[in-house]
Amino acid sequence: MHVLTFTNLYPSAAQPRHGIFIEHRIRQLVASGAASVRVVAPVPWVPRAARRLAGRYGVLAELPAAGRQHGIEVWRPRFPAVPRLSGWCNPLSMALAALPVVRRLQQQRDFDLIDAHFVYPDGAAAMLLATWLGKPIAVTARGTDINEFPRYRVPRAWIRWVLRHADALIGVSTALREAMLALGAPAERLEVLRNGVDLELFVPEAGRPLDFSRPSWLSVGHLIPSKGHHLVIEALAGVPGARLVIVGDGPEKPRLQQLALDLGVADRVRWAGTLQQPELARHYARADVTVLASAREGMPNVLLESLACGTPVIATRVGGCAEIITTPQAGVLMEHGDAAGMVAAYHRLVAQHPRREAARTHAERFAWAPTVERMAQLFNHLVDQRRAAGSPGGAEGPSGQGSA
């Protein structure tokens, strides 16, 4: 089976952790021998003269148009995008920009199915391509695309169109599945395929037991308000002797650094920046607790990776967090937005006497193999179903874009 994966959420030299969970799933599928995969990862087009002023768009514009990552072909067609102004057009412009590349890939070696990630705008663009090319499509929702974007009129229209017409829909958590159902997704085409964790990369460090006498906290994620790093810093002030490592970068860094100064904990906070996976694994293994204070999540890899390294977790009760933290040895759930509650959650965790061995054993429930096996079965079923039907299928877009 030959699969075309379509998403702008894909790691690159400029953003090594951007969509890393999608790359992990693809690599596991390829390693299983069930499919070959090529990736089309569109990036916004920015005029060369404006790239210095375009922030992350400008950085992405410098990426090569094609290359290989971990042996997988990655193509990056450019599409015109105006932040805040092109919401309705983004899926169409993304699809039209990708179409020549996709057709060229077809000529080299046709593909059987489109595997799209992030319902809007990526999934909507991929739906247009699937309609134009007569290919079956599976669309995976990741979190923000379902939990946040439907608040806005234009994205909501595209999202509902994708949910109604995709051949298969995948949620990475039961909570996300319920949210998709509420938006009109048909239950018979909706599956839950949870993220897995690389149990060979993320491993405990020998001879390093948990130590809560002078604990090391870890907070991982893009430095934006919704990730809640500010709450972790506030909670740190309530746990004398605790130290905090923050992994990630982003626009909130100056404000977070000022907060640490204001609270008198700046000397206990270390800023590690964005890390490659092996380096991140070492940070997990050396922490005594990982704290995830997000306002929203899909199925957070941070929790799975931490547990695989033998480090228990504290996390907000959002998205799929409660589907991961199901035993006291895994960690403790807390409510979002409450630094004092985070301190209380930390003390509850310590009182449970967690052990690295037990956290690791819990993580082993989330090995990739069952997810990859079911994904391959689903993809093969969609391909066989389309061949048996003998017709290209497809659906018009929410404003009638049904041909190219």
Protein backbone atom coordinates (compact mmCIF):
# COMPACT_ATOMS: atom_id res chain seq x y z
CA MET A 1 0.00 0.00 0.00
CA HIS A 2 1.28 3.46 -0.95
CA VAL A 3 0.17 6.35 1.26
CA LEU A 4 0.37 10.10 0.74
CA THR A 5 0.44 11.97 4.06
CA PHE A 6 -0.75 15.58 3.85
CA THR A 7 -0.18 18.06 6.68
CA ASN A 8 1.68 21.27 7.42
CA LEU A 9 2.33 19.89 10.92
CA TYR A 10 5.64 18.20 10.19
CA PRO A 11 9.12 18.60 11.69
CA SER A 12 11.81 20.52 9.85
CA ALA A 13 15.24 21.97 10.52
CA ALA A 14 13.51 25.24 11.40
CA GLN A 15 10.96 23.62 13.74
CA PRO A 16 12.28 20.22 14.85
CA ARG A 17 9.34 19.43 17.19
CA HIS A 18 6.56 20.83 15.00
CA GLY A 19 4.20 17.90 14.44
CA ILE A 20 6.78 15.41 15.73
CA PHE A 21 3.93 13.10 16.79
CA ILE A 22 2.85 12.79 13.13
CA GLU A 23 6.36 11.93 12.01
CA HIS A 24 6.54 9.29 14.76
CA ARG A 25 3.33 7.64 13.54
CA ILE A 26 4.47 7.65 9.92
CA ARG A 27 7.86 6.19 10.76
CA GLN A 28 6.23 3.43 12.78
CA LEU A 29 3.87 2.62 9.89
CA VAL A 30 6.77 2.44 7.43
CA ALA A 31 8.88 0.36 9.83
CA SER A 32 6.02 -2.14 10.17
CA GLY A 33 6.23 -2.86 6.45
CA ALA A 34 2.50 -2.19 6.03
CA ALA A 35 2.93 0.83 3.75
CA SER A 36 5.30 3.17 1.98
CA VAL A 37 4.71 6.84 2.74
CA ARG A 38 5.51 10.15 1.05
CA VAL A 39 4.74 13.41 2.83
CA VAL A 40 3.40 16.65 1.37
CA ALA A 41 3.81 19.38 4.00
CA PRO A 42 2.71 22.76 2.58
CA VAL A 43 4.31 25.92 3.95
CA PRO A 44 3.17 29.53 3.54
CA TRP A 45 4.74 31.48 0.67
CA VAL A 46 6.47 34.69 1.75
CA PRO A 47 8.20 37.13 -0.66
CA ARG A 48 11.96 37.03 -0.18
CA ALA A 49 12.10 40.74 0.67
CA ALA A 50 9.58 40.29 3.50
CA ARG A 51 10.98 37.16 5.15
CA ARG A 52 12.87 38.94 7.91
CA LEU A 53 9.64 40.60 9.00
CA ALA A 54 7.40 37.56 8.65
CA GLY A 55 8.33 35.73 11.87
CA ARG A 56 7.97 31.96 11.70
CA TYR A 57 6.43 32.22 8.22
CA GLY A 58 9.70 33.76 7.04
CA VAL A 59 11.72 30.96 8.62
CA LEU A 60 9.54 28.30 7.00
CA ALA A 61 9.88 30.01 3.62
CA GLU A 62 13.59 29.18 3.66
CA LEU A 63 13.00 25.42 3.84
CA PRO A 64 13.94 23.36 0.77
CA ALA A 65 11.11 22.38 -1.56
CA ALA A 66 11.90 18.67 -1.17
CA GLY A 67 14.12 16.38 0.84
CA ARG A 68 14.32 13.23 2.94
CA GLN A 69 13.84 12.85 6.68
CA HIS A 70 14.53 9.47 8.25
CA GLY A 71 14.33 7.95 4.78
CA ILE A 72 10.90 9.44 4.02
CA GLU A 73 10.37 11.85 1.11
CA VAL A 74 9.03 15.23 2.26
CA TRP A 75 7.72 17.81 -0.23
CA ARG A 76 6.95 21.38 0.82
CA PRO A 77 4.87 23.26 -1.78
CA ARG A 78 4.34 26.97 -1.10
CA PHE A 79 0.84 28.36 -0.75
CA PRO A 80 -0.22 32.02 -0.39
CA ALA A 81 -1.48 32.81 3.10
CA VAL A 82 -2.26 36.13 4.74
CA PRO A 83 -2.47 35.71 8.54
CA ARG A 84 -5.95 36.56 9.92
CA LEU A 85 -7.30 37.38 6.44
CA SER A 86 -7.29 34.16 4.43
CA GLY A 87 -9.26 31.75 6.62
CA TRP A 88 -11.83 30.88 3.97
CA CYS A 89 -9.26 30.59 1.19
CA ASN A 90 -6.51 28.74 3.07
CA PRO A 91 -7.74 25.19 2.31
CA LEU A 92 -8.33 26.03 -1.36
CA SER A 93 -5.02 27.86 -1.82
CA MET A 94 -3.19 25.08 0.01
CA ALA A 95 -4.80 22.41 -2.19
CA LEU A 96 -4.18 24.29 -5.45
CA ALA A 97 -0.54 24.92 -4.53
CA ALA A 98 -0.02 21.25 -3.65
CA LEU A 99 -1.85 19.84 -6.68
CA PRO A 100 1.09 20.02 -9.18
CA VAL A 101 3.39 18.33 -6.66
CA VAL A 102 0.83 15.64 -5.87
CA ARG A 103 0.21 14.95 -9.57
CA ARG A 104 3.95 14.69 -10.17
CA LEU A 105 4.20 12.17 -7.34
CA GLN A 106 1.32 10.24 -8.90
CA GLN A 107 3.21 10.05 -12.18
CA GLN A 108 6.31 8.75 -10.42
CA ARG A 109 4.34 6.17 -8.42
CA ASP A 110 0.63 6.40 -7.77
CA PHE A 111 -0.63 6.34 -4.20
CA ASP A 112 -3.66 4.48 -2.84
CA LEU A 113 -4.87 6.78 -0.08
CA ILE A 114 -4.45 10.24 1.45
CA ASP A 115 -3.63 10.33 5.17
CA ALA A 116 -4.37 13.89 6.36
CA HIS A 117 -3.65 15.39 9.76
CA PHE A 118 -5.29 18.43 11.42
CA VAL A 119 -8.83 18.92 10.19
CA TYR A 120 -8.49 22.61 9.29
CA PRO A 121 -6.96 23.86 7.09
CA ASP A 122 -4.88 20.78 6.22
CA GLY A 123 -7.67 18.20 6.30
CA ALA A 124 -9.96 20.44 4.25
CA ALA A 125 -7.23 20.97 1.63
CA ALA A 126 -6.57 17.23 1.54
CA MET A 127 -10.32 16.58 1.12
CA LEU A 128 -10.30 18.81 -1.96
CA LEU A 129 -7.33 16.90 -3.37
CA ALA A 130 -8.98 13.56 -2.62
CA THR A 131 -12.13 14.74 -4.42
CA TRP A 132 -10.24 16.00 -7.47
CA LEU A 133 -8.06 12.87 -7.72
CA GLY A 134 -10.66 10.26 -6.75
CA LYS A 135 -8.72 8.92 -3.76
CA PRO A 136 -9.99 7.70 -0.38
CA ILE A 137 -8.97 9.82 2.58
CA ALA A 138 -8.54 9.38 6.32
CA VAL A 139 -8.37 12.58 8.38
CA THR A 140 -6.87 12.63 11.87
CA ALA A 141 -7.93 15.33 14.34
CA ARG A 142 -5.25 16.43 16.75
CA GLY A 143 -6.79 18.80 19.31
CA THR A 144 -6.92 22.51 18.57
CA ASP A 145 -8.56 21.84 15.21
CA ILE A 146 -11.59 20.42 17.04
CA ASN A 147 -11.39 22.01 20.50
CA GLU A 148 -10.67 25.60 19.45
CA PHE A 149 -11.16 26.37 15.73
CA PRO A 150 -14.91 25.58 15.56
CA ARG A 151 -15.50 28.71 17.67
CA TYR A 152 -14.94 30.69 14.46
CA ARG A 153 -17.50 30.72 11.65
CA VAL A 154 -15.31 30.04 8.60
CA PRO A 155 -13.15 27.27 10.07
CA ARG A 156 -16.30 25.68 11.55
CA ALA A 157 -17.88 25.42 8.08
CA TRP A 158 -14.80 23.72 6.64
CA ILE A 159 -14.42 21.43 9.65
CA ARG A 160 -18.02 20.24 9.48
CA TRP A 161 -17.64 19.60 5.76
CA VAL A 162 -14.58 17.42 6.36
CA LEU A 163 -16.29 15.55 9.20
CA ARG A 164 -19.30 14.81 7.00
CA HIS A 165 -17.42 13.63 3.92
CA ALA A 166 -14.07 12.02 4.83
CA ASP A 167 -13.95 8.27 4.24
CA ALA A 168 -12.59 7.80 7.76
CA LEU A 169 -12.04 10.07 10.74
CA ILE A 170 -9.51 9.45 13.48
CA GLY A 171 -9.36 11.02 16.93
CA VAL A 172 -6.27 10.58 19.07
CA SER A 173 -8.33 10.37 22.27
CA THR A 174 -11.84 9.42 23.36
CA ALA A 175 -12.41 13.02 24.46
CA LEU A 176 -11.59 14.21 20.95
CA ARG A 177 -13.92 11.60 19.47
CA GLU A 178 -16.79 12.93 21.58
CA ALA A 179 -16.06 16.49 20.45
CA MET A 180 -16.05 15.36 16.80
CA LEU A 181 -19.39 13.61 17.26
CA ALA A 182 -20.82 16.83 18.70
CA LEU A 183 -19.75 18.64 15.52
CA GLY A 184 -21.62 16.18 13.33
CA ALA A 185 -19.09 13.45 12.59
CA PRO A 186 -20.83 10.14 11.74
CA ALA A 187 -20.05 7.58 14.45
CA GLU A 188 -19.66 4.73 11.95
CA ARG A 189 -16.69 6.45 10.29
CA LEU A 190 -14.97 7.61 13.46
CA GLU A 191 -12.17 5.72 15.21
CA VAL A 192 -9.87 6.38 18.16
CA LEU A 193 -6.21 5.67 17.41
CA ARG A 194 -4.15 6.96 20.29
CA ASN A 195 -0.60 8.24 19.96
CA GLY A 196 2.04 5.76 20.94
CA VAL A 197 5.47 6.33 22.43
CA ASP A 198 8.90 5.20 21.28
CA LEU A 199 9.86 2.85 24.11
CA GLU A 200 13.40 2.46 22.77
CA LEU A 201 14.20 6.18 22.64
CA PHE A 202 12.41 7.21 25.83
CA VAL A 203 13.89 5.08 28.61
CA PRO A 204 14.72 5.58 32.31
CA GLU A 205 18.28 6.44 33.27
CA ALA A 206 19.90 3.65 35.25
CA GLY A 207 20.67 4.40 38.88
CA ARG A 208 18.59 7.57 39.11
CA PRO A 209 15.68 7.11 41.56
CA LEU A 210 13.05 9.79 42.09
CA ASP A 211 14.15 12.38 44.65
CA PHE A 212 11.52 14.67 46.15
CA SER A 213 13.82 16.21 48.77
CA ARG A 214 15.03 18.73 46.17
CA PRO A 215 12.90 17.87 43.17
CA SER A 216 13.52 18.73 39.55
CA TRP A 217 10.37 19.76 37.68
CA LEU A 218 10.09 19.68 33.90
CA SER A 219 7.67 21.65 31.70
CA VAL A 220 7.72 20.98 27.95
CA GLY A 221 5.94 22.87 25.20
CA HIS A 222 5.79 25.94 22.99
CA LEU A 223 6.04 29.11 25.06
CA ILE A 224 2.53 30.41 24.49
CA PRO A 225 -0.20 31.26 27.05
CA SER A 226 -2.31 28.13 26.43
CA LYS A 227 0.56 25.84 27.49
CA GLY A 228 0.41 27.24 31.03
CA HIS A 229 4.13 27.62 31.74
CA HIS A 230 3.28 30.74 33.77
CA LEU A 231 1.22 28.57 36.13
CA VAL A 232 4.13 26.18 36.60
CA ILE A 233 6.41 29.09 37.51
CA GLU A 234 3.82 30.39 39.98
CA ALA A 235 3.50 26.93 41.54
CA LEU A 236 7.28 26.60 41.77
CA ALA A 237 7.27 29.57 44.15
CA GLY A 238 5.09 27.50 46.49
CA VAL A 239 7.49 24.54 46.65
CA PRO A 240 10.75 25.66 48.30
CA GLY A 241 13.80 23.84 46.99
CA ALA A 242 12.18 22.68 43.76
CA ARG A 243 13.93 23.49 40.49
CA LEU A 244 12.32 23.84 37.07
CA VAL A 245 13.58 23.16 33.55
CA ILE A 246 11.46 24.60 30.74
CA VAL A 247 11.92 23.00 27.31
CA GLY A 248 10.58 24.99 24.38
CA ASP A 249 10.68 28.42 22.83
CA GLY A 250 8.14 30.99 21.76
CA PRO A 251 6.82 34.54 22.06
CA GLU A 252 6.00 34.30 25.79
CA LYS A 253 9.59 33.74 26.89
CA PRO A 254 10.36 37.37 27.95
CA ARG A 255 7.13 37.58 29.96
CA LEU A 256 7.81 34.24 31.62
CA GLN A 257 11.35 35.27 32.49
CA GLN A 258 10.03 38.47 34.05
CA LEU A 259 7.46 36.48 36.03
CA ALA A 260 10.21 34.26 37.43
CA LEU A 261 12.13 37.38 38.48
CA ASP A 262 9.06 38.96 40.07
CA LEU A 263 8.34 35.80 42.08
CA GLY A 264 11.94 35.43 43.21
CA VAL A 265 12.47 32.04 41.54
CA ALA A 266 14.58 33.05 38.53
CA ASP A 267 17.62 31.29 39.99
CA ARG A 268 15.60 28.05 40.15
CA VAL A 269 14.42 28.12 36.52
CA ARG A 270 16.53 26.92 33.59
CA TRP A 271 15.56 27.64 29.99
CA ALA A 272 16.61 24.73 27.78
CA GLY A 273 15.14 25.99 24.51
CA THR A 274 13.97 23.65 21.75
CA LEU A 275 15.61 20.23 21.91
CA GLN A 276 16.01 17.28 19.59
CA GLN A 277 14.35 14.06 20.73
CA PRO A 278 17.39 12.27 22.23
CA GLU A 279 18.27 15.35 24.30
CA LEU A 280 14.66 15.73 25.40
CA ALA A 281 14.60 12.09 26.50
CA ARG A 282 17.57 12.76 28.80
CA HIS A 283 15.73 15.68 30.40
CA TYR A 284 12.67 13.52 31.07
CA ALA A 285 14.82 10.81 32.63
CA ARG A 286 16.55 13.30 34.94
CA ALA A 287 13.36 15.02 36.12
CA ASP A 288 11.42 13.94 39.19
CA VAL A 289 8.08 15.14 37.84
CA THR A 290 6.83 16.50 34.52
CA VAL A 291 4.11 19.14 34.73
CA LEU A 292 1.69 19.81 31.86
CA ALA A 293 -0.48 22.84 32.60
CA SER A 294 -2.15 23.21 29.19
CA ALA A 295 -5.58 24.73 28.68
CA ARG A 296 -6.32 22.17 25.96
CA GLU A 297 -4.72 19.03 24.55
CA GLY A 298 -5.43 16.15 22.22
CA MET A 299 -3.43 13.13 23.40
CA PRO A 300 -0.28 14.75 24.79
CA ASN A 301 2.95 13.05 23.85
CA VAL A 302 4.68 14.89 26.68
CA LEU A 303 2.94 12.66 29.23
CA LEU A 304 3.69 9.44 27.36
CA GLU A 305 7.34 10.34 26.83
CA SER A 306 7.81 11.32 30.47
CA LEU A 307 6.25 8.11 31.77
CA ALA A 308 8.35 6.03 29.38
CA CYS A 309 11.41 7.62 31.00
CA GLY A 310 10.09 6.62 34.43
CA THR A 311 9.03 10.12 35.44
CA PRO A 312 5.51 10.59 36.87
CA VAL A 313 3.36 13.48 35.68
CA ILE A 314 0.98 16.18 36.87
CA ALA A 315 -1.44 17.36 34.19
CA THR A 316 -4.58 19.39 33.73
CA ARG A 317 -7.81 17.47 33.28
CA VAL A 318 -8.21 18.34 29.59
CA GLY A 319 -8.37 16.35 26.36
CA GLY A 320 -6.86 12.89 26.60
CA CYS A 321 -4.85 13.51 29.80
CA ALA A 322 -7.31 11.51 31.90
CA GLU A 323 -6.95 8.61 29.44
CA ILE A 324 -3.22 8.48 30.20
CA ILE A 325 -3.17 9.17 33.95
CA THR A 326 -5.27 6.24 35.11
CA THR A 327 -3.24 4.98 38.10
CA PRO A 328 -1.56 6.70 41.07
CA GLN A 329 1.84 5.53 39.82
CA ALA A 330 1.34 7.45 36.57
CA GLY A 331 0.62 10.76 38.26
CA VAL A 332 -2.05 13.22 39.32
CA LEU A 333 -4.69 15.25 37.48
CA MET A 334 -5.51 18.85 38.39
CA GLU A 335 -7.86 21.56 37.21
CA HIS A 336 -6.61 24.15 34.74
CA GLY A 337 -5.64 27.67 35.76
CA ASP A 338 -4.90 27.07 39.43
CA ALA A 339 -1.27 27.39 40.57
CA ALA A 340 -2.24 26.62 44.18
CA GLY A 341 -4.02 23.51 42.94
CA MET A 342 -0.82 22.51 41.16
CA VAL A 343 1.12 22.74 44.41
CA ALA A 344 -1.52 20.57 46.10
CA ALA A 345 -1.34 18.10 43.20
CA TYR A 346 2.42 17.89 43.62
CA HIS A 347 2.08 17.06 47.31
CA ARG A 348 -0.56 14.40 46.48
CA LEU A 349 1.87 12.89 44.00
CA VAL A 350 4.68 12.74 46.56
CA ALA A 351 2.31 11.12 49.08
CA GLN A 352 1.59 8.34 46.56
CA HIS A 353 5.27 7.29 46.64
CA PRO A 354 5.64 6.89 42.86
CA ARG A 355 8.45 4.76 41.47
CA ARG A 356 10.23 5.02 38.14
CA GLU A 357 9.71 1.33 37.43
CA ALA A 358 5.94 1.65 37.86
CA ALA A 359 5.75 4.75 35.66
CA ARG A 360 7.67 2.94 32.92
CA THR A 361 5.42 -0.12 33.18
CA HIS A 362 2.40 2.15 32.79
CA ALA A 363 3.90 3.74 29.66
CA GLU A 364 4.38 0.33 28.06
CA ARG A 365 0.60 0.15 27.62
CA PHE A 366 1.04 2.84 24.96
CA ALA A 367 3.44 1.02 22.64
CA TRP A 368 3.00 1.95 18.98
CA ALA A 369 2.37 -1.58 17.68
CA PRO A 370 -1.41 -1.85 18.33
CA THR A 371 -2.06 1.63 16.89
CA VAL A 372 -0.03 0.93 13.76
CA GLU A 373 -1.68 -2.46 13.24
CA ARG A 374 -5.18 -0.98 13.44
CA MET A 375 -4.19 1.96 11.24
CA ALA A 376 -2.91 -0.37 8.53
CA GLN A 377 -6.15 -2.40 8.72
CA LEU A 378 -8.22 0.77 8.39
CA PHE A 379 -6.22 2.11 5.44
CA ASN A 380 -6.40 -1.23 3.61
CA HIS A 381 -10.15 -1.36 4.21
CA LEU A 382 -10.61 2.13 2.72
CA VAL A 383 -8.56 1.24 -0.35
CA ASP A 384 -10.44 -2.04 -0.89
CA GLN A 385 -13.77 -0.29 -0.37
CA ARG A 386 -12.98 2.35 -2.99
CA ARG A 387 -11.77 -0.25 -5.50
CA ALA A 388 -14.90 -2.33 -4.95
CA ALA A 389 -17.10 0.72 -5.50
CA GLY A 390 -15.37 1.34 -8.81
CA SER A 391 -16.05 5.09 -8.68
CA PRO A 392 -13.91 8.05 -7.65
CA GLY A 393 -16.37 9.46 -5.09
CA GLY A 394 -15.72 12.90 -3.64
CA ALA A 395 -17.63 15.84 -2.27
CA GLU A 396 -18.08 19.50 -3.05
CA GLY A 397 -16.48 21.94 -0.63
CA PRO A 398 -18.61 24.08 1.68
CA SER A 399 -18.79 26.83 -0.93
CA GLY A 400 -19.04 24.53 -3.94
CA GLN A 401 -15.34 23.97 -4.74
CA GLY A 402 -15.71 20.53 -6.27
CA SER A 403 -13.38 20.54 -9.27
CA ALA A 404 -9.94 21.73 -10.34
